[in-house]
Amino acid sequence: MNKVIEILAISAICAILLFSGCTEKAQENSAEEKTSGDKVLVAVTIAPQAEFVEQIGGNKVRTVVMVPAGANAHTYEPTPNQLKDLSNAQMYVKLGSNMGFELAWMDKLLSINSDMHVVNSSSGIKFRTMRENEQESHAYEHEETEEHAEEEHDHTGPDPHVWTSPQNAKIMVKNIYEGLVAIDPNNKAIYKQNYDAYVSKLDEVDAKLKAALAGKEGTSFIVYHPAWGYLADDYGLHEISIEVEGKEPSAKDMKKLIDTAKEKRIKVIFVQKGFSTASAQTIATQIGGEVVEIDPLAKDYVDNMERVADAFAKGLE
């Protein structure tokens, strides 16, 4: 009887050890799967930045865009779901160029997640100052309160639309690459390979724009919202904005724009999502031209800039 009990006891101990070993192995496998499946969560202000992050990070990253496609990057307010995602982000890529959304929200976003590694994607970019006929309001449009009712906004800051120049995009991509390496050095080789490949694509876009706009130096174009100043400077063009300090133009402004368009033989008025097209359509009608939509906030940056190159090449004929 004692021998039977002894055999049963030994069997029980073996079973426990076997189960314990299997459990530990399962936990190890689970931990390995979690580690290998983890991606660096990167929050960005606008969609083109998400493209930059994903092109460099590949399957090692995922992104959260704070200002979605079609929204106004000067006045947008993030949703609770976006803020929840942001709270888990390991890195934030900000524009750093006086964009209204960041002026209003950056401090709040950092208070939600103070552990994020912040990358200023505009570091190293030489900001352009908007000309008189490009002026817009970059300050965030708060609801009127006693505190803000008398507030005077400065409209003479830098042009925030830095990413619309492929040359600037290369600088932004470099800053993002360095940020990813800083928080995830184990994947530096992958990030470097992806970075080099994407910079080559940006060089191709730059070359296409130069070819498409060759011979058009000094040509003026009219846009509703002045988002293309950096591109204009890069390729020798002159941007004229319909919008006046973030507002619809007055009757006097409209007459001046129509006269300017006729004088310069402008036949295309460029617009974008998120802004009124009424005044652009009025000008186009008066000059016998057309309204064409181009999107500075499209995520597919390379393809979009090629579409923009085609639109400008045709519109400036």
Protein backbone atom coordinates (compact mmCIF):
# COMPACT_ATOMS: atom_id res chain seq x y z
CA MET A 1 0.00 0.00 0.00
CA ASN A 2 2.81 2.36 0.97
CA LYS A 3 4.54 1.57 -2.33
CA VAL A 4 1.37 2.45 -4.26
CA ILE A 5 1.10 5.75 -2.38
CA GLU A 6 4.76 6.46 -3.09
CA ILE A 7 4.27 5.80 -6.82
CA LEU A 8 1.18 8.04 -6.90
CA ALA A 9 3.03 10.83 -5.09
CA ILE A 10 5.94 10.67 -7.54
CA SER A 11 3.51 10.70 -10.48
CA ALA A 12 1.73 13.76 -9.05
CA ILE A 13 5.00 15.62 -8.58
CA CYS A 14 6.05 14.81 -12.15
CA ALA A 15 2.70 16.01 -13.45
CA ILE A 16 3.02 19.27 -11.52
CA LEU A 17 6.56 19.82 -12.80
CA LEU A 18 5.49 19.02 -16.35
CA PHE A 19 2.52 21.40 -16.14
CA SER A 20 4.67 24.10 -14.59
CA GLY A 21 7.23 23.74 -17.35
CA CYS A 22 4.58 23.89 -20.05
CA THR A 23 3.00 26.96 -18.44
CA GLU A 24 6.33 28.78 -18.22
CA LYS A 25 7.07 27.89 -21.86
CA ALA A 26 3.66 29.14 -22.92
CA GLN A 27 4.23 32.38 -21.02
CA GLU A 28 7.64 32.78 -22.63
CA ASN A 29 6.15 32.19 -26.08
CA SER A 30 3.36 34.65 -25.32
CA ALA A 31 5.88 37.26 -24.20
CA GLU A 32 7.97 36.69 -27.33
CA GLU A 33 4.90 37.01 -29.54
CA LYS A 34 3.89 40.22 -27.76
CA THR A 35 7.37 41.67 -28.16
CA SER A 36 7.64 40.73 -31.83
CA GLY A 37 4.13 41.97 -32.50
CA ASP A 38 4.59 45.32 -30.73
CA LYS A 39 4.81 48.37 -32.99
CA VAL A 40 6.02 51.84 -32.13
CA LEU A 41 2.92 54.03 -31.91
CA VAL A 42 3.63 57.45 -33.40
CA ALA A 43 1.21 60.37 -33.25
CA VAL A 44 1.43 63.07 -35.92
CA THR A 45 -0.37 66.32 -36.64
CA ILE A 46 -1.28 65.82 -40.32
CA ALA A 47 -1.60 62.90 -42.73
CA PRO A 48 1.53 63.57 -44.86
CA GLN A 49 3.60 63.15 -41.69
CA ALA A 50 1.96 59.76 -41.14
CA GLU A 51 3.10 58.78 -44.62
CA PHE A 52 6.64 59.83 -43.77
CA VAL A 53 6.62 57.81 -40.53
CA GLU A 54 5.16 54.71 -42.19
CA GLN A 55 7.56 54.85 -45.11
CA ILE A 56 10.53 54.88 -42.74
CA GLY A 57 9.12 52.61 -40.05
CA GLY A 58 7.44 50.04 -42.29
CA ASN A 59 5.83 47.26 -40.27
CA LYS A 60 7.61 48.41 -37.12
CA VAL A 61 5.30 51.38 -36.60
CA ARG A 62 1.69 52.46 -36.62
CA THR A 63 0.40 56.02 -36.63
CA VAL A 64 -2.31 58.22 -35.15
CA VAL A 65 -3.21 61.32 -37.18
CA MET A 66 -4.58 64.17 -35.07
CA VAL A 67 -5.96 66.29 -37.96
CA PRO A 68 -7.80 63.95 -40.37
CA ALA A 69 -8.06 64.37 -44.13
CA GLY A 70 -10.43 67.14 -45.16
CA ALA A 71 -10.23 68.92 -41.80
CA ASN A 72 -8.83 72.41 -41.23
CA ALA A 73 -5.39 72.07 -39.65
CA HIS A 74 -5.69 75.55 -38.18
CA THR A 75 -8.92 75.01 -36.23
CA TYR A 76 -9.49 71.27 -35.76
CA GLU A 77 -10.27 69.84 -32.31
CA PRO A 78 -9.29 66.20 -31.62
CA THR A 79 -11.92 63.65 -30.63
CA PRO A 80 -11.89 61.64 -27.37
CA ASN A 81 -10.86 58.52 -29.32
CA GLN A 82 -7.89 60.36 -30.83
CA LEU A 83 -6.82 61.56 -27.40
CA LYS A 84 -7.13 58.02 -26.06
CA ASP A 85 -4.84 56.73 -28.82
CA LEU A 86 -2.45 59.60 -28.17
CA SER A 87 -2.16 58.60 -24.52
CA ASN A 88 -0.44 55.37 -25.65
CA ALA A 89 1.90 56.97 -28.21
CA GLN A 90 5.65 56.64 -27.76
CA MET A 91 6.51 59.50 -30.10
CA TYR A 92 4.85 62.67 -31.39
CA VAL A 93 5.94 64.23 -34.67
CA LYS A 94 4.92 67.87 -34.65
CA LEU A 95 5.07 70.27 -37.56
CA GLY A 96 6.75 72.92 -35.43
CA SER A 97 5.86 75.64 -37.93
CA ASN A 98 3.23 77.80 -36.21
CA MET A 99 0.25 75.69 -37.32
CA GLY A 100 -2.94 76.69 -35.50
CA PHE A 101 -3.74 73.19 -34.25
CA GLU A 102 -0.38 72.86 -32.55
CA LEU A 103 -0.49 76.37 -31.09
CA ALA A 104 -3.78 75.50 -29.42
CA TRP A 105 -3.26 71.84 -28.55
CA MET A 106 0.41 70.90 -28.21
CA ASP A 107 0.69 71.68 -24.50
CA LYS A 108 -2.58 69.83 -23.83
CA LEU A 109 -1.42 66.79 -25.78
CA LEU A 110 1.82 66.67 -23.82
CA SER A 111 -0.10 66.92 -20.55
CA ILE A 112 -2.06 63.81 -21.59
CA ASN A 113 1.12 61.88 -22.40
CA SER A 114 4.26 63.48 -21.01
CA ASP A 115 6.35 60.39 -21.83
CA MET A 116 6.16 60.87 -25.60
CA HIS A 117 9.41 61.54 -27.42
CA VAL A 118 8.66 64.74 -29.36
CA VAL A 119 10.21 65.25 -32.79
CA ASN A 120 10.10 68.69 -34.41
CA SER A 121 9.87 67.70 -38.06
CA SER A 122 10.60 71.28 -39.19
CA SER A 123 13.97 71.43 -37.43
CA GLY A 124 16.50 72.66 -40.00
CA ILE A 125 13.90 74.15 -42.36
CA LYS A 126 14.22 77.82 -43.25
CA PHE A 127 10.76 79.30 -42.78
CA ARG A 128 9.38 81.68 -45.36
CA THR A 129 7.40 84.76 -44.33
CA MET A 130 4.06 85.09 -46.07
CA ARG A 131 3.74 88.02 -48.45
CA GLU A 132 0.96 90.57 -48.04
CA ASN A 133 -1.31 88.85 -50.54
CA GLU A 134 -0.78 85.48 -48.84
CA GLN A 135 -1.61 86.53 -45.29
CA GLU A 136 -3.87 84.23 -43.31
CA SER A 137 -4.73 83.69 -39.69
CA HIS A 138 -2.72 80.85 -38.18
CA ALA A 139 -3.93 81.51 -34.66
CA TYR A 140 -6.49 79.05 -33.38
CA GLU A 141 -10.06 80.30 -33.58
CA HIS A 142 -11.33 79.90 -30.02
CA GLU A 143 -14.95 80.24 -29.12
CA GLU A 144 -15.54 83.84 -28.13
CA THR A 145 -15.01 84.35 -24.42
CA GLU A 146 -14.24 87.44 -22.41
CA GLU A 147 -10.61 86.36 -22.34
CA HIS A 148 -10.29 86.01 -26.12
CA ALA A 149 -12.75 88.59 -27.41
CA GLU A 150 -10.18 91.38 -27.33
CA GLU A 151 -7.23 89.19 -28.30
CA GLU A 152 -5.29 90.41 -31.32
CA HIS A 153 -3.64 87.70 -33.39
CA ASP A 154 -0.34 88.14 -35.14
CA HIS A 155 -0.64 87.30 -38.84
CA THR A 156 2.99 87.90 -39.70
CA GLY A 157 4.49 84.61 -38.49
CA PRO A 158 6.12 81.96 -40.65
CA ASP A 159 4.22 80.09 -43.34
CA PRO A 160 3.27 76.81 -41.59
CA HIS A 161 2.80 74.71 -44.75
CA VAL A 162 6.40 73.47 -44.83
CA TRP A 163 5.62 69.99 -46.15
CA THR A 164 4.35 71.20 -49.55
CA SER A 165 7.95 71.44 -50.71
CA PRO A 166 9.58 68.07 -51.52
CA GLN A 167 12.90 69.61 -50.52
CA ASN A 168 11.49 70.40 -47.09
CA ALA A 169 9.91 66.95 -46.95
CA LYS A 170 13.41 65.44 -47.15
CA ILE A 171 14.42 67.40 -44.05
CA MET A 172 11.25 66.33 -42.24
CA VAL A 173 11.87 62.69 -43.13
CA LYS A 174 15.42 62.90 -41.78
CA ASN A 175 14.13 64.30 -38.47
CA ILE A 176 11.57 61.49 -38.24
CA TYR A 177 14.19 58.85 -39.04
CA GLU A 178 16.41 60.16 -36.24
CA GLY A 179 13.44 60.18 -33.86
CA LEU A 180 12.59 56.56 -34.58
CA VAL A 181 16.19 55.51 -34.10
CA ALA A 182 16.29 57.36 -30.77
CA ILE A 183 13.35 55.41 -29.32
CA ASP A 184 13.89 52.11 -31.16
CA PRO A 185 17.64 51.72 -31.85
CA ASN A 186 17.35 47.96 -32.36
CA ASN A 187 15.68 48.56 -35.72
CA LYS A 188 18.07 51.27 -36.92
CA ALA A 189 19.24 49.25 -39.93
CA ILE A 190 15.67 48.78 -41.16
CA TYR A 191 14.85 52.44 -40.65
CA LYS A 192 18.00 53.53 -42.50
CA GLN A 193 17.25 51.30 -45.48
CA ASN A 194 13.67 52.60 -45.68
CA TYR A 195 14.82 56.19 -45.20
CA ASP A 196 17.31 56.01 -48.08
CA ALA A 197 14.69 54.46 -50.37
CA TYR A 198 12.08 57.10 -49.56
CA VAL A 199 14.49 60.01 -49.99
CA SER A 200 15.15 58.69 -53.50
CA LYS A 201 11.41 58.85 -54.20
CA LEU A 202 11.28 62.44 -52.94
CA ASP A 203 14.18 63.32 -55.23
CA GLU A 204 12.19 61.88 -58.13
CA VAL A 205 9.17 64.01 -57.20
CA ASP A 206 11.37 67.09 -57.02
CA ALA A 207 12.79 66.30 -60.47
CA LYS A 208 9.28 65.83 -61.89
CA LEU A 209 8.13 69.18 -60.50
CA LYS A 210 11.19 70.91 -61.94
CA ALA A 211 10.50 69.37 -65.36
CA ALA A 212 6.76 70.12 -65.23
CA LEU A 213 7.29 73.74 -64.22
CA ALA A 214 10.34 74.47 -66.37
CA GLY A 215 9.91 77.74 -68.26
CA LYS A 216 7.12 78.92 -65.95
CA GLU A 217 9.38 80.86 -63.57
CA GLY A 218 7.76 84.13 -62.50
CA THR A 219 4.24 82.84 -63.26
CA SER A 220 1.50 83.72 -60.76
CA PHE A 221 -1.28 81.40 -59.62
CA ILE A 222 -4.33 81.99 -57.43
CA VAL A 223 -5.35 79.72 -54.56
CA TYR A 224 -8.13 80.06 -52.02
CA HIS A 225 -5.97 79.04 -49.05
CA PRO A 226 -2.24 79.88 -49.25
CA ALA A 227 -0.79 76.42 -48.68
CA TRP A 228 1.65 76.30 -51.59
CA GLY A 229 4.11 79.09 -50.84
CA TYR A 230 7.10 76.82 -50.25
CA LEU A 231 6.46 74.97 -53.49
CA ALA A 232 6.10 78.31 -55.28
CA ASP A 233 9.42 79.54 -53.90
CA ASP A 234 11.21 76.31 -54.84
CA TYR A 235 10.16 76.48 -58.48
CA GLY A 236 10.07 80.23 -59.06
CA LEU A 237 6.29 80.76 -58.95
CA HIS A 238 4.20 83.44 -57.23
CA GLU A 239 1.26 82.47 -55.00
CA ILE A 240 -1.75 84.80 -54.68
CA SER A 241 -4.30 84.01 -51.97
CA ILE A 242 -8.05 84.68 -52.12
CA GLU A 243 -8.39 84.22 -48.37
CA VAL A 244 -7.55 87.35 -46.35
CA GLU A 245 -6.25 86.64 -42.84
CA GLY A 246 -8.28 83.45 -42.72
CA LYS A 247 -11.49 85.14 -43.88
CA GLU A 248 -13.53 85.52 -47.05
CA PRO A 249 -12.37 88.44 -49.22
CA SER A 250 -14.31 91.71 -49.30
CA ALA A 251 -15.94 93.04 -52.48
CA LYS A 252 -12.93 95.31 -52.92
CA ASP A 253 -10.56 92.35 -52.54
CA MET A 254 -12.57 90.33 -55.06
CA LYS A 255 -12.40 93.09 -57.67
CA LYS A 256 -8.65 93.36 -57.20
CA LEU A 257 -8.25 89.58 -57.55
CA ILE A 258 -10.35 89.49 -60.72
CA ASP A 259 -8.36 92.38 -62.22
CA THR A 260 -5.08 90.67 -61.28
CA ALA A 261 -6.21 87.37 -62.80
CA LYS A 262 -7.14 89.08 -66.06
CA GLU A 263 -3.90 91.06 -66.14
CA LYS A 264 -1.79 87.96 -65.57
CA ARG A 265 -3.97 85.79 -67.79
CA ILE A 266 -4.70 83.33 -65.01
CA LYS A 267 -7.31 80.76 -66.00
CA VAL A 268 -7.27 78.29 -63.08
CA ILE A 269 -8.18 78.94 -59.46
CA PHE A 270 -6.88 76.28 -57.06
CA VAL A 271 -8.92 75.20 -54.02
CA GLN A 272 -8.72 72.50 -51.34
CA LYS A 273 -11.05 70.50 -49.12
CA GLY A 274 -12.19 72.12 -45.89
CA PHE A 275 -12.48 75.63 -47.33
CA SER A 276 -15.22 77.51 -49.15
CA THR A 277 -15.06 77.48 -52.95
CA ALA A 278 -17.71 80.18 -53.51
CA SER A 279 -15.33 83.10 -54.04
CA ALA A 280 -13.00 80.95 -56.15
CA GLN A 281 -15.93 79.98 -58.36
CA THR A 282 -16.97 83.63 -58.70
CA ILE A 283 -13.49 84.64 -59.83
CA ALA A 284 -13.29 81.72 -62.25
CA THR A 285 -16.63 82.72 -63.78
CA GLN A 286 -15.53 86.33 -64.19
CA ILE A 287 -12.28 85.40 -65.94
CA GLY A 288 -13.71 82.55 -68.00
CA GLY A 289 -11.57 80.06 -66.10
CA GLU A 290 -12.10 76.98 -63.95
CA VAL A 291 -11.73 75.80 -60.37
CA VAL A 292 -9.32 72.91 -59.75
CA GLU A 293 -8.94 71.07 -56.44
CA ILE A 294 -5.50 70.14 -55.15
CA ASP A 295 -4.98 68.66 -51.70
CA PRO A 296 -2.00 69.66 -49.53
CA LEU A 297 -3.11 67.24 -46.79
CA ALA A 298 -3.38 64.02 -48.81
CA LYS A 299 -1.58 61.15 -47.11
CA ASP A 300 -0.08 59.52 -50.22
CA TYR A 301 2.56 62.24 -50.44
CA VAL A 302 4.60 61.08 -53.44
CA ASP A 303 1.59 60.25 -55.63
CA ASN A 304 -0.20 63.41 -54.51
CA MET A 305 2.73 65.69 -55.33
CA GLU A 306 2.91 64.12 -58.78
CA ARG A 307 -0.79 64.95 -59.21
CA VAL A 308 -0.05 68.49 -58.02
CA ALA A 309 2.79 68.76 -60.55
CA ASP A 310 0.40 67.78 -63.34
CA ALA A 311 -2.27 70.21 -62.09
CA PHE A 312 0.16 73.13 -61.97
CA ALA A 313 1.70 72.25 -65.33
CA LYS A 314 -1.75 72.32 -66.98
CA GLY A 315 -3.11 75.22 -64.93
CA LEU A 316 -0.18 77.52 -65.66
CA GLU A 317 -0.17 77.02 -69.45
